[in-house]
PDB file of all heavy atoms in Angstrom:
ATOM      1  N   PRO A   1      11.857  13.271   8.025  1.00  0.00           N
ATOM      2  CA  PRO A   1      12.276  11.911   7.675  1.00  0.00           C
ATOM      3  C   PRO A   1      11.944  10.873   8.741  1.00  0.00           C
ATOM      4  O   PRO A   1      11.540   9.761   8.421  1.00  0.00           O
ATOM      5  CB  PRO A   1      13.783  12.038   7.457  1.00  0.00           C
ATOM      6  CG  PRO A   1      14.170  13.290   8.168  1.00  0.00           C
ATOM      7  CD  PRO A   1      12.995  14.203   8.053  1.00  0.00           C
ATOM      8  N   ALA A   2      12.115  11.231  10.010  1.00  0.00           N
ATOM      9  CA  ALA A   2      11.816  10.268  11.065  1.00  0.00           C
ATOM     10  C   ALA A   2      10.333   9.912  11.073  1.00  0.00           C
ATOM     11  O   ALA A   2       9.949   8.750  11.230  1.00  0.00           O
ATOM     12  CB  ALA A   2      12.241  10.827  12.424  1.00  0.00           C
ATOM     13  N   GLU A   3       9.470  10.940  10.894  1.00  0.00           N
ATOM     14  CA  GLU A   3       8.028  10.685  10.843  1.00  0.00           C
ATOM     15  C   GLU A   3       7.664   9.839   9.621  1.00  0.00           C
ATOM     16  O   GLU A   3       6.808   8.955   9.698  1.00  0.00           O
ATOM     17  CB  GLU A   3       7.264  12.013  10.798  1.00  0.00           C
ATOM     18  CG  GLU A   3       7.356  12.835  12.074  1.00  0.00           C
ATOM     19  CD  GLU A   3       8.566  13.747  12.093  1.00  0.00           C
ATOM     20  OE1 GLU A   3       9.447  13.603  11.214  1.00  0.00           O
ATOM     21  OE2 GLU A   3       8.637  14.594  12.995  1.00  0.00           O
ATOM     22  N   THR A   4       8.332  10.123   8.507  1.00  0.00           N
ATOM     23  CA  THR A   4       8.067   9.343   7.294  1.00  0.00           C
ATOM     24  C   THR A   4       8.418   7.877   7.503  1.00  0.00           C
ATOM     25  O   THR A   4       7.645   6.974   7.169  1.00  0.00           O
ATOM     26  CB  THR A   4       8.873   9.907   6.107  1.00  0.00           C
ATOM     27  OG1 THR A   4       8.428  11.236   5.818  1.00  0.00           O
ATOM     28  CG2 THR A   4       8.706   9.046   4.870  1.00  0.00           C
ATOM     29  N   LEU A   5       9.580   7.608   8.084  1.00  0.00           N
ATOM     30  CA  LEU A   5       9.995   6.229   8.321  1.00  0.00           C
ATOM     31  C   LEU A   5       9.070   5.528   9.313  1.00  0.00           C
ATOM     32  O   LEU A   5       8.790   4.336   9.178  1.00  0.00           O
ATOM     33  CB  LEU A   5      11.438   6.200   8.820  1.00  0.00           C
ATOM     34  CG  LEU A   5      12.492   6.605   7.782  1.00  0.00           C
ATOM     35  CD1 LEU A   5      13.855   6.755   8.427  1.00  0.00           C
ATOM     36  CD2 LEU A   5      12.550   5.584   6.654  1.00  0.00           C
ATOM     37  N   ALA A   6       8.600   6.272  10.314  1.00  0.00           N
ATOM     38  CA  ALA A   6       7.667   5.684  11.274  1.00  0.00           C
ATOM     39  C   ALA A   6       6.370   5.280  10.589  1.00  0.00           C
ATOM     40  O   ALA A   6       5.795   4.223  10.867  1.00  0.00           O
ATOM     41  CB  ALA A   6       7.391   6.676  12.408  1.00  0.00           C
ATOM     42  N   ARG A   7       5.885   6.121   9.680  1.00  0.00           N
ATOM     43  CA  ARG A   7       4.669   5.785   8.948  1.00  0.00           C
ATOM     44  C   ARG A   7       4.879   4.570   8.050  1.00  0.00           C
ATOM     45  O   ARG A   7       4.014   3.702   7.955  1.00  0.00           O
ATOM     46  CB  ARG A   7       4.227   6.983   8.109  1.00  0.00           C
ATOM     47  CG  ARG A   7       3.735   8.163   8.926  1.00  0.00           C
ATOM     48  CD  ARG A   7       3.288   9.307   8.008  1.00  0.00           C
ATOM     49  NE  ARG A   7       2.855  10.480   8.777  1.00  0.00           N
ATOM     50  CZ  ARG A   7       2.382  11.591   8.226  1.00  0.00           C
ATOM     51  NH1 ARG A   7       2.288  11.687   6.895  1.00  0.00           N
ATOM     52  NH2 ARG A   7       2.000  12.591   8.987  1.00  0.00           N
ATOM     53  N   VAL A   8       6.022   4.526   7.391  1.00  0.00           N
ATOM     54  CA  VAL A   8       6.328   3.374   6.529  1.00  0.00           C
ATOM     55  C   VAL A   8       6.279   2.083   7.327  1.00  0.00           C
ATOM     56  O   VAL A   8       5.731   1.067   6.879  1.00  0.00           O
ATOM     57  CB  VAL A   8       7.711   3.562   5.870  1.00  0.00           C
ATOM     58  CG1 VAL A   8       8.202   2.247   5.263  1.00  0.00           C
ATOM     59  CG2 VAL A   8       7.660   4.650   4.803  1.00  0.00           C
ATOM     60  N   CYS A   9       6.837   2.128   8.522  1.00  0.00           N
ATOM     61  CA  CYS A   9       6.967   0.899   9.321  1.00  0.00           C
ATOM     62  C   CYS A   9       5.698   0.524  10.070  1.00  0.00           C
ATOM     63  O   CYS A   9       5.420  -0.665  10.260  1.00  0.00           O
ATOM     64  CB  CYS A   9       8.112   1.050  10.327  1.00  0.00           C
ATOM     65  SG  CYS A   9       9.738   1.200   9.571  1.00  0.00           S
ATOM     66  N   HIS A  10       4.903   1.525  10.483  1.00  0.00           N
ATOM     67  CA  HIS A  10       3.850   1.229  11.452  1.00  0.00           C
ATOM     68  C   HIS A  10       2.442   1.687  11.079  1.00  0.00           C
ATOM     69  O   HIS A  10       1.479   1.202  11.673  1.00  0.00           O
ATOM     70  CB  HIS A  10       4.214   1.852  12.808  1.00  0.00           C
ATOM     71  CG  HIS A  10       5.563   1.444  13.315  1.00  0.00           C
ATOM     72  ND1 HIS A  10       5.886   0.134  13.606  1.00  0.00           N
ATOM     73  CD2 HIS A  10       6.689   2.182  13.558  1.00  0.00           C
ATOM     74  CE1 HIS A  10       7.149   0.075  14.020  1.00  0.00           C
ATOM     75  NE2 HIS A  10       7.654   1.299  14.001  1.00  0.00           N
ATOM     76  N   GLU A  11       2.292   2.608  10.148  1.00  0.00           N
ATOM     77  CA  GLU A  11       0.968   3.147   9.854  1.00  0.00           C
ATOM     78  C   GLU A  11       0.447   2.638   8.514  1.00  0.00           C
ATOM     79  O   GLU A  11       1.184   2.575   7.533  1.00  0.00           O
ATOM     80  CB  GLU A  11       1.006   4.687   9.832  1.00  0.00           C
ATOM     81  CG  GLU A  11       1.294   5.312  11.183  1.00  0.00           C
ATOM     82  CD  GLU A  11       1.162   6.823  11.145  1.00  0.00           C
ATOM     83  OE1 GLU A  11       0.551   7.343  10.182  1.00  0.00           O
ATOM     84  OE2 GLU A  11       1.682   7.478  12.064  1.00  0.00           O
ATOM     85  N   ALA A  12      -0.830   2.287   8.496  1.00  0.00           N
ATOM     86  CA  ALA A  12      -1.464   1.861   7.247  1.00  0.00           C
ATOM     87  C   ALA A  12      -1.731   3.076   6.364  1.00  0.00           C
ATOM     88  O   ALA A  12      -2.065   4.158   6.867  1.00  0.00           O
ATOM     89  CB  ALA A  12      -2.770   1.133   7.538  1.00  0.00           C
ATOM     90  N   HIS A  13      -1.582   2.891   5.082  1.00  0.00           N
ATOM     91  CA  HIS A  13      -1.871   3.969   4.132  1.00  0.00           C
ATOM     92  C   HIS A  13      -3.378   4.053   3.876  1.00  0.00           C
ATOM     93  O   HIS A  13      -4.111   3.090   4.104  1.00  0.00           O
ATOM     94  CB  HIS A  13      -1.143   3.711   2.814  1.00  0.00           C
ATOM     95  CG  HIS A  13      -1.656   2.512   2.078  1.00  0.00           C
ATOM     96  ND1 HIS A  13      -1.296   1.217   2.428  1.00  0.00           N
ATOM     97  CD2 HIS A  13      -2.517   2.397   1.032  1.00  0.00           C
ATOM     98  CE1 HIS A  13      -1.916   0.363   1.620  1.00  0.00           C
ATOM     99  NE2 HIS A  13      -2.658   1.048   0.766  1.00  0.00           N
ATOM    100  N   HIS A  14      -3.835   5.201   3.424  1.00  0.00           N
ATOM    101  CA  HIS A  14      -5.219   5.305   2.971  1.00  0.00           C
ATOM    102  C   HIS A  14      -5.325   4.563   1.642  1.00  0.00           C
ATOM    103  O   HIS A  14      -4.509   4.772   0.741  1.00  0.00           O
ATOM    104  CB  HIS A  14      -5.626   6.772   2.786  1.00  0.00           C
ATOM    105  CG  HIS A  14      -5.685   7.541   4.064  1.00  0.00           C
ATOM    106  ND1 HIS A  14      -6.672   7.337   5.006  1.00  0.00           N
ATOM    107  CD2 HIS A  14      -4.878   8.510   4.557  1.00  0.00           C
ATOM    108  CE1 HIS A  14      -6.465   8.148   6.028  1.00  0.00           C
ATOM    109  NE2 HIS A  14      -5.395   8.870   5.781  1.00  0.00           N
ATOM    110  N   PRO A  15      -6.311   3.693   1.480  1.00  0.00           N
ATOM    111  CA  PRO A  15      -6.434   2.957   0.209  1.00  0.00           C
ATOM    112  C   PRO A  15      -6.414   3.901  -0.985  1.00  0.00           C
ATOM    113  O   PRO A  15      -6.961   5.005  -0.935  1.00  0.00           O
ATOM    114  CB  PRO A  15      -7.780   2.245   0.349  1.00  0.00           C
ATOM    115  CG  PRO A  15      -7.972   2.095   1.828  1.00  0.00           C
ATOM    116  CD  PRO A  15      -7.365   3.325   2.438  1.00  0.00           C
ATOM    117  N   ALA A  16      -5.768   3.458  -2.050  1.00  0.00           N
ATOM    118  CA  ALA A  16      -5.640   4.306  -3.236  1.00  0.00           C
ATOM    119  C   ALA A  16      -7.004   4.725  -3.768  1.00  0.00           C
ATOM    120  O   ALA A  16      -7.177   5.837  -4.273  1.00  0.00           O
ATOM    121  CB  ALA A  16      -4.847   3.565  -4.312  1.00  0.00           C
ATOM    122  N   GLN A  17      -7.984   3.855  -3.643  1.00  0.00           N
ATOM    123  CA  GLN A  17      -9.319   4.135  -4.154  1.00  0.00           C
ATOM    124  C   GLN A  17      -9.957   5.336  -3.454  1.00  0.00           C
ATOM    125  O   GLN A  17     -10.822   6.006  -4.013  1.00  0.00           O
ATOM    126  CB  GLN A  17     -10.211   2.910  -3.985  1.00  0.00           C
ATOM    127  CG  GLN A  17     -11.554   2.994  -4.690  1.00  0.00           C
ATOM    128  CD  GLN A  17     -11.421   2.884  -6.196  1.00  0.00           C
ATOM    129  OE1 GLN A  17     -10.908   1.898  -6.699  1.00  0.00           O
ATOM    130  NE2 GLN A  17     -11.894   3.887  -6.917  1.00  0.00           N
ATOM    131  N   ASP A  18      -9.504   5.645  -2.239  1.00  0.00           N
ATOM    132  CA  ASP A  18     -10.066   6.772  -1.494  1.00  0.00           C
ATOM    133  C   ASP A  18      -9.665   8.120  -2.095  1.00  0.00           C
ATOM    134  O   ASP A  18     -10.300   9.133  -1.822  1.00  0.00           O
ATOM    135  CB  ASP A  18      -9.606   6.727  -0.034  1.00  0.00           C
ATOM    136  CG  ASP A  18     -10.204   5.555   0.732  1.00  0.00           C
ATOM    137  OD1 ASP A  18     -11.095   4.892   0.174  1.00  0.00           O
ATOM    138  OD2 ASP A  18      -9.764   5.316   1.867  1.00  0.00           O
ATOM    139  N   HIS A  19      -8.590   8.124  -2.898  1.00  0.00           N
ATOM    140  CA  HIS A  19      -8.045   9.383  -3.393  1.00  0.00           C
ATOM    141  C   HIS A  19      -8.397   9.655  -4.853  1.00  0.00           C
ATOM    142  O   HIS A  19      -8.262  10.782  -5.305  1.00  0.00           O
ATOM    143  CB  HIS A  19      -6.511   9.381  -3.264  1.00  0.00           C
ATOM    144  CG  HIS A  19      -6.032   9.365  -1.853  1.00  0.00           C
ATOM    145  ND1 HIS A  19      -5.707  10.513  -1.165  1.00  0.00           N
ATOM    146  CD2 HIS A  19      -5.825   8.339  -0.995  1.00  0.00           C
ATOM    147  CE1 HIS A  19      -5.317  10.196   0.055  1.00  0.00           C
ATOM    148  NE2 HIS A  19      -5.373   8.889   0.190  1.00  0.00           N
ATOM    149  N   ALA A  20      -8.762   8.655  -5.598  1.00  0.00           N
ATOM    150  CA  ALA A  20      -8.945   8.867  -7.034  1.00  0.00           C
ATOM    151  C   ALA A  20      -9.941   7.861  -7.579  1.00  0.00           C
ATOM    152  O   ALA A  20     -10.223   6.836  -6.966  1.00  0.00           O
ATOM    153  CB  ALA A  20      -7.604   8.734  -7.764  1.00  0.00           C
ATOM    154  N   ASP A  21     -10.444   8.178  -8.746  1.00  0.00           N
ATOM    155  CA  ASP A  21     -11.395   7.302  -9.430  1.00  0.00           C
ATOM    156  C   ASP A  21     -10.604   6.266 -10.219  1.00  0.00           C
ATOM    157  O   ASP A  21     -10.446   6.359 -11.435  1.00  0.00           O
ATOM    158  CB  ASP A  21     -12.294   8.134 -10.346  1.00  0.00           C
ATOM    159  CG  ASP A  21     -13.378   7.271 -10.989  1.00  0.00           C
ATOM    160  OD1 ASP A  21     -13.637   6.172 -10.471  1.00  0.00           O
ATOM    161  OD2 ASP A  21     -13.952   7.706 -12.018  1.00  0.00           O
ATOM    162  N   LEU A  22     -10.100   5.267  -9.503  1.00  0.00           N
ATOM    163  CA  LEU A  22      -9.242   4.257 -10.122  1.00  0.00           C
ATOM    164  C   LEU A  22     -10.021   2.981 -10.393  1.00  0.00           C
ATOM    165  O   LEU A  22     -10.965   2.645  -9.664  1.00  0.00           O
ATOM    166  CB  LEU A  22      -8.073   3.913  -9.195  1.00  0.00           C
ATOM    167  CG  LEU A  22      -7.077   5.025  -8.870  1.00  0.00           C
ATOM    168  CD1 LEU A  22      -6.019   4.496  -7.920  1.00  0.00           C
ATOM    169  CD2 LEU A  22      -6.438   5.555 -10.141  1.00  0.00           C
ATOM    170  N   PRO A  23      -9.610   2.226 -11.419  1.00  0.00           N
ATOM    171  CA  PRO A  23     -10.188   0.889 -11.598  1.00  0.00           C
ATOM    172  C   PRO A  23      -9.949   0.050 -10.352  1.00  0.00           C
ATOM    173  O   PRO A  23      -8.876   0.128  -9.729  1.00  0.00           O
ATOM    174  CB  PRO A  23      -9.416   0.338 -12.808  1.00  0.00           C
ATOM    175  CG  PRO A  23      -8.906   1.542 -13.528  1.00  0.00           C
ATOM    176  CD  PRO A  23      -8.644   2.570 -12.474  1.00  0.00           C
ATOM    177  N   ARG A  24     -10.927  -0.733  -9.970  1.00  0.00           N
ATOM    178  CA  ARG A  24     -10.824  -1.514  -8.739  1.00  0.00           C
ATOM    179  C   ARG A  24      -9.602  -2.427  -8.755  1.00  0.00           C
ATOM    180  O   ARG A  24      -8.896  -2.547  -7.751  1.00  0.00           O
ATOM    181  CB  ARG A  24     -12.096  -2.352  -8.557  1.00  0.00           C
ATOM    182  CG  ARG A  24     -12.079  -3.239  -7.307  1.00  0.00           C
ATOM    183  CD  ARG A  24     -13.339  -4.073  -7.217  1.00  0.00           C
ATOM    184  NE  ARG A  24     -13.543  -4.859  -8.437  1.00  0.00           N
ATOM    185  CZ  ARG A  24     -12.903  -6.026  -8.673  1.00  0.00           C
ATOM    186  NH1 ARG A  24     -12.056  -6.517  -7.780  1.00  0.00           N
ATOM    187  NH2 ARG A  24     -13.151  -6.697  -9.780  1.00  0.00           N
ATOM    188  N   GLN A  25      -9.326  -3.078  -9.884  1.00  0.00           N
ATOM    189  CA  GLN A  25      -8.196  -3.999  -9.941  1.00  0.00           C
ATOM    190  C   GLN A  25      -6.876  -3.281  -9.699  1.00  0.00           C
ATOM    191  O   GLN A  25      -5.998  -3.800  -9.000  1.00  0.00           O
ATOM    192  CB  GLN A  25      -8.156  -4.698 -11.309  1.00  0.00           C
ATOM    193  CG  GLN A  25      -9.250  -5.723 -11.528  1.00  0.00           C
ATOM    194  CD  GLN A  25      -9.164  -6.313 -12.922  1.00  0.00           C
ATOM    195  OE1 GLN A  25      -9.213  -5.613 -13.932  1.00  0.00           O
ATOM    196  NE2 GLN A  25      -9.015  -7.624 -12.988  1.00  0.00           N
ATOM    197  N   LEU A  26      -6.729  -2.078 -10.252  1.00  0.00           N
ATOM    198  CA  LEU A  26      -5.490  -1.322 -10.054  1.00  0.00           C
ATOM    199  C   LEU A  26      -5.349  -0.894  -8.603  1.00  0.00           C
ATOM    200  O   LEU A  26      -4.271  -1.017  -8.003  1.00  0.00           O
ATOM    201  CB  LEU A  26      -5.470  -0.103 -10.975  1.00  0.00           C
ATOM    202  CG  LEU A  26      -4.267   0.833 -10.826  1.00  0.00           C
ATOM    203  CD1 LEU A  26      -2.966   0.089 -11.091  1.00  0.00           C
ATOM    204  CD2 LEU A  26      -4.401   2.039 -11.746  1.00  0.00           C
ATOM    205  N   SER A  27      -6.440  -0.402  -8.013  1.00  0.00           N
ATOM    206  CA  SER A  27      -6.400   0.020  -6.620  1.00  0.00           C
ATOM    207  C   SER A  27      -6.035  -1.146  -5.699  1.00  0.00           C
ATOM    208  O   SER A  27      -5.212  -1.006  -4.786  1.00  0.00           O
ATOM    209  CB  SER A  27      -7.755   0.611  -6.224  1.00  0.00           C
ATOM    210  OG  SER A  27      -7.782   0.944  -4.848  1.00  0.00           O
ATOM    211  N   GLU A  28      -6.621  -2.305  -5.939  1.00  0.00           N
ATOM    212  CA  GLU A  28      -6.334  -3.469  -5.106  1.00  0.00           C
ATOM    213  C   GLU A  28      -4.889  -3.931  -5.260  1.00  0.00           C
ATOM    214  O   GLU A  28      -4.259  -4.358  -4.289  1.00  0.00           O
ATOM    215  CB  GLU A  28      -7.301  -4.600  -5.456  1.00  0.00           C
ATOM    216  CG  GLU A  28      -8.745  -4.317  -5.027  1.00  0.00           C
ATOM    217  CD  GLU A  28      -9.698  -5.422  -5.440  1.00  0.00           C
ATOM    218  OE1 GLU A  28      -9.260  -6.325  -6.201  1.00  0.00           O
ATOM    219  OE2 GLU A  28     -10.865  -5.391  -5.005  1.00  0.00           O
ATOM    220  N   LEU A  29      -4.341  -3.846  -6.483  1.00  0.00           N
ATOM    221  CA  LEU A  29      -2.948  -4.238  -6.694  1.00  0.00           C
ATOM    222  C   LEU A  29      -2.015  -3.297  -5.951  1.00  0.00           C
ATOM    223  O   LEU A  29      -1.062  -3.743  -5.293  1.00  0.00           O
ATOM    224  CB  LEU A  29      -2.622  -4.238  -8.188  1.00  0.00           C
ATOM    225  CG  LEU A  29      -1.168  -4.539  -8.554  1.00  0.00           C
ATOM    226  CD1 LEU A  29      -0.758  -5.924  -8.063  1.00  0.00           C
ATOM    227  CD2 LEU A  29      -0.957  -4.417 -10.061  1.00  0.00           C
ATOM    228  N   ILE A  30      -2.268  -1.999  -6.019  1.00  0.00           N
ATOM    229  CA  ILE A  30      -1.436  -1.040  -5.297  1.00  0.00           C
ATOM    230  C   ILE A  30      -1.479  -1.311  -3.795  1.00  0.00           C
ATOM    231  O   ILE A  30      -0.451  -1.302  -3.109  1.00  0.00           O
ATOM    232  CB  ILE A  30      -1.894   0.402  -5.605  1.00  0.00           C
ATOM    233  CG1 ILE A  30      -1.616   0.748  -7.066  1.00  0.00           C
ATOM    234  CG2 ILE A  30      -1.193   1.397  -4.681  1.00  0.00           C
ATOM    235  CD1 ILE A  30      -2.180   2.098  -7.500  1.00  0.00           C
ATOM    236  N   ASP A  31      -2.673  -1.590  -3.272  1.00  0.00           N
ATOM    237  CA  ASP A  31      -2.797  -1.867  -1.842  1.00  0.00           C
ATOM    238  C   ASP A  31      -2.029  -3.127  -1.447  1.00  0.00           C
ATOM    239  O   ASP A  31      -1.425  -3.181  -0.369  1.00  0.00           O
ATOM    240  CB  ASP A  31      -4.272  -2.003  -1.465  1.00  0.00           C
ATOM    241  CG  ASP A  31      -5.022  -0.681  -1.563  1.00  0.00           C
ATOM    242  OD1 ASP A  31      -4.363   0.378  -1.545  1.00  0.00           O
ATOM    243  OD2 ASP A  31      -6.265  -0.702  -1.660  1.00  0.00           O
ATOM    244  N   ARG A  32      -2.033  -4.141  -2.312  1.00  0.00           N
ATOM    245  CA  ARG A  32      -1.252  -5.362  -2.029  1.00  0.00           C
ATOM    246  C   ARG A  32       0.247  -5.070  -2.018  1.00  0.00           C
ATOM    247  O   ARG A  32       0.995  -5.589  -1.177  1.00  0.00           O
ATOM    248  CB  ARG A  32      -1.532  -6.434  -3.080  1.00  0.00           C
ATOM    249  CG  ARG A  32      -2.822  -7.208  -2.895  1.00  0.00           C
ATOM    250  CD  ARG A  32      -2.866  -8.353  -3.898  1.00  0.00           C
ATOM    251  NE  ARG A  32      -1.802  -9.323  -3.656  1.00  0.00           N
ATOM    252  CZ  ARG A  32      -1.322 -10.155  -4.578  1.00  0.00           C
ATOM    253  NH1 ARG A  32      -1.797 -10.110  -5.818  1.00  0.00           N
ATOM    254  NH2 ARG A  32      -0.372 -11.013  -4.274  1.00  0.00           N
ATOM    255  N   LEU A  33       0.699  -4.253  -2.946  1.00  0.00           N
ATOM    256  CA  LEU A  33       2.121  -3.919  -2.998  1.00  0.00           C
ATOM    257  C   LEU A  33       2.567  -3.178  -1.745  1.00  0.00           C
ATOM    258  O   LEU A  33       3.734  -3.270  -1.342  1.00  0.00           O
ATOM    259  CB  LEU A  33       2.406  -3.058  -4.231  1.00  0.00           C
ATOM    260  CG  LEU A  33       2.280  -3.751  -5.591  1.00  0.00           C
ATOM    261  CD1 LEU A  33       2.293  -2.725  -6.721  1.00  0.00           C
ATOM    262  CD2 LEU A  33       3.397  -4.767  -5.788  1.00  0.00           C
ATOM    263  N   LEU A  34       1.655  -2.454  -1.098  1.00  0.00           N
ATOM    264  CA  LEU A  34       1.996  -1.641   0.072  1.00  0.00           C
ATOM    265  C   LEU A  34       1.751  -2.357   1.398  1.00  0.00           C
ATOM    266  O   LEU A  34       1.752  -1.725   2.450  1.00  0.00           O
ATOM    267  CB  LEU A  34       1.199  -0.333   0.031  1.00  0.00           C
ATOM    268  CG  LEU A  34       1.574   0.629  -1.108  1.00  0.00           C
ATOM    269  CD1 LEU A  34       0.681   1.857  -1.091  1.00  0.00           C
ATOM    270  CD2 LEU A  34       3.043   1.038  -1.009  1.00  0.00           C
ATOM    271  N   GLU A  35       1.546  -3.649   1.356  1.00  0.00           N
ATOM    272  CA  GLU A  35       1.400  -4.411   2.605  1.00  0.00           C
ATOM    273  C   GLU A  35       2.703  -4.346   3.410  1.00  0.00           C
ATOM    274  O   GLU A  35       3.801  -4.407   2.857  1.00  0.00           O
ATOM    275  CB  GLU A  35       1.059  -5.865   2.297  1.00  0.00           C
ATOM    276  CG  GLU A  35      -0.352  -6.076   1.765  1.00  0.00           C
ATOM    277  CD  GLU A  35      -1.400  -5.956   2.861  1.00  0.00           C
ATOM    278  OE1 GLU A  35      -1.011  -5.862   4.044  1.00  0.00           O
ATOM    279  OE2 GLU A  35      -2.602  -5.972   2.524  1.00  0.00           O
ATOM    280  N   LYS A  36       2.565  -4.228   4.737  1.00  0.00           N
ATOM    281  CA  LYS A  36       3.745  -4.128   5.598  1.00  0.00           C
ATOM    282  C   LYS A  36       4.570  -5.414   5.603  1.00  0.00           C
ATOM    283  O   LYS A  36       5.794  -5.374   5.610  1.00  0.00           O
ATOM    284  CB  LYS A  36       3.320  -3.802   7.035  1.00  0.00           C
ATOM    285  CG  LYS A  36       2.520  -2.519   7.197  1.00  0.00           C
ATOM    286  CD  LYS A  36       3.315  -1.297   6.836  1.00  0.00           C
ATOM    287  CE  LYS A  36       2.520  -0.035   7.157  1.00  0.00           C
ATOM    288  NZ  LYS A  36       3.177   1.185   6.626  1.00  0.00           N
ATOM    289  N   GLN A  37       3.892  -6.554   5.584  1.00  0.00           N
ATOM    290  CA  GLN A  37       4.582  -7.829   5.629  1.00  0.00           C
ATOM    291  C   GLN A  37       4.920  -8.292   4.210  1.00  0.00           C
ATOM    292  O   GLN A  37       4.033  -8.364   3.352  1.00  0.00           O
ATOM    293  CB  GLN A  37       3.729  -8.884   6.336  1.00  0.00           C
ATOM    294  CG  GLN A  37       3.454  -8.579   7.793  1.00  0.00           C
ATOM    295  CD  GLN A  37       4.734  -8.474   8.611  1.00  0.00           C
ATOM    296  OE1 GLN A  37       5.686  -9.230   8.412  1.00  0.00           O
ATOM    297  NE2 GLN A  37       4.756  -7.526   9.544  1.00  0.00           N
ATOM    298  N   PRO A  38       6.175  -8.619   3.930  1.00  0.00           N
ATOM    299  CA  PRO A  38       6.550  -9.056   2.584  1.00  0.00           C
ATOM    300  C   PRO A  38       5.719 -10.223   2.070  1.00  0.00           C
ATOM    301  O   PRO A  38       5.392 -10.279   0.876  1.00  0.00           O
ATOM    302  CB  PRO A  38       8.025  -9.442   2.743  1.00  0.00           C
ATOM    303  CG  PRO A  38       8.509  -8.619   3.895  1.00  0.00           C
ATOM    304  CD  PRO A  38       7.338  -8.522   4.828  1.00  0.00           C
ATOM    305  N   ASP A  39       5.350 -11.151   2.958  1.00  0.00           N
ATOM    306  CA  ASP A  39       4.584 -12.324   2.522  1.00  0.00           C
ATOM    307  C   ASP A  39       3.204 -11.958   1.997  1.00  0.00           C
ATOM    308  O   ASP A  39       2.599 -12.741   1.251  1.00  0.00           O
ATOM    309  CB  ASP A  39       4.440 -13.327   3.680  1.00  0.00           C
ATOM    310  CG  ASP A  39       5.757 -14.003   4.017  1.00  0.00           C
ATOM    311  OD1 ASP A  39       6.685 -13.926   3.186  1.00  0.00           O
ATOM    312  OD2 ASP A  39       5.855 -14.602   5.099  1.00  0.00           O
ATOM    313  N   ALA A  40       2.695 -10.792   2.381  1.00  0.00           N
ATOM    314  CA  ALA A  40       1.370 -10.373   1.928  1.00  0.00           C
ATOM    315  C   ALA A  40       1.407  -9.682   0.572  1.00  0.00           C
ATOM    316  O   ALA A  40       0.361  -9.447  -0.029  1.00  0.00           O
ATOM    317  CB  ALA A  40       0.729  -9.445   2.967  1.00  0.00           C
ATOM    318  N   ARG A  41       2.598  -9.356   0.097  1.00  0.00           N
ATOM    319  CA  ARG A  41       2.739  -8.726  -1.219  1.00  0.00           C
ATOM    320  C   ARG A  41       2.816  -9.802  -2.298  1.00  0.00           C
ATOM    321  O   ARG A  41       2.977 -10.991  -1.985  1.00  0.00           O
ATOM    322  CB  ARG A  41       4.019  -7.877  -1.251  1.00  0.00           C
ATOM    323  CG  ARG A  41       4.074  -6.777  -0.217  1.00  0.00           C
ATOM    324  CD  ARG A  41       5.454  -6.116  -0.171  1.00  0.00           C
ATOM    325  NE  ARG A  41       5.687  -5.543   1.163  1.00  0.00           N
ATOM    326  CZ  ARG A  41       6.889  -5.382   1.710  1.00  0.00           C
ATOM    327  NH1 ARG A  41       7.978  -5.736   1.039  1.00  0.00           N
ATOM    328  NH2 ARG A  41       7.000  -4.883   2.939  1.00  0.00           N
ATOM    329  N   PRO A  42       2.720  -9.403  -3.577  1.00  0.00           N
ATOM    330  CA  PRO A  42       2.950 -10.384  -4.646  1.00  0.00           C
ATOM    331  C   PRO A  42       4.315 -11.039  -4.477  1.00  0.00           C
ATOM    332  O   PRO A  42       5.259 -10.437  -3.950  1.00  0.00           O
ATOM    333  CB  PRO A  42       2.887  -9.525  -5.919  1.00  0.00           C
ATOM    334  CG  PRO A  42       2.006  -8.376  -5.552  1.00  0.00           C
ATOM    335  CD  PRO A  42       2.309  -8.084  -4.103  1.00  0.00           C
ATOM    336  N   ALA A  43       4.431 -12.265  -4.936  1.00  0.00           N
ATOM    337  CA  ALA A  43       5.664 -13.027  -4.736  1.00  0.00           C
ATOM    338  C   ALA A  43       6.827 -12.477  -5.541  1.00  0.00           C
ATOM    339  O   ALA A  43       7.984 -12.668  -5.163  1.00  0.00           O
ATOM    340  CB  ALA A  43       5.428 -14.493  -5.092  1.00  0.00           C
ATOM    341  N   GLY A  44       6.533 -11.809  -6.647  1.00  0.00           N
ATOM    342  CA  GLY A  44       7.604 -11.278  -7.476  1.00  0.00           C
ATOM    343  C   GLY A  44       7.062 -10.319  -8.516  1.00  0.00           C
ATOM    344  O   GLY A  44       5.848 -10.191  -8.710  1.00  0.00           O
ATOM    345  N   ALA A  45       7.979  -9.646  -9.210  1.00  0.00           N
ATOM    346  CA  ALA A  45       7.568  -8.667 -10.216  1.00  0.00           C
ATOM    347  C   ALA A  45       6.847  -9.320 -11.379  1.00  0.00           C
ATOM    348  O   ALA A  45       5.959  -8.713 -11.991  1.00  0.00           O
ATOM    349  CB  ALA A  45       8.792  -7.898 -10.710  1.00  0.00           C
TER     350      ALA A  45
END
């Protein structure tokens, strides 16, 4: 759990597109949702 929380707070995720054959728009949306800074994510649901 401690390592997981450290990754959440400080480590960038591997882009979703690196793991699967996803549509570009979906991959980019997932990456935006996972931005560390709230201001970099979509403004709302």
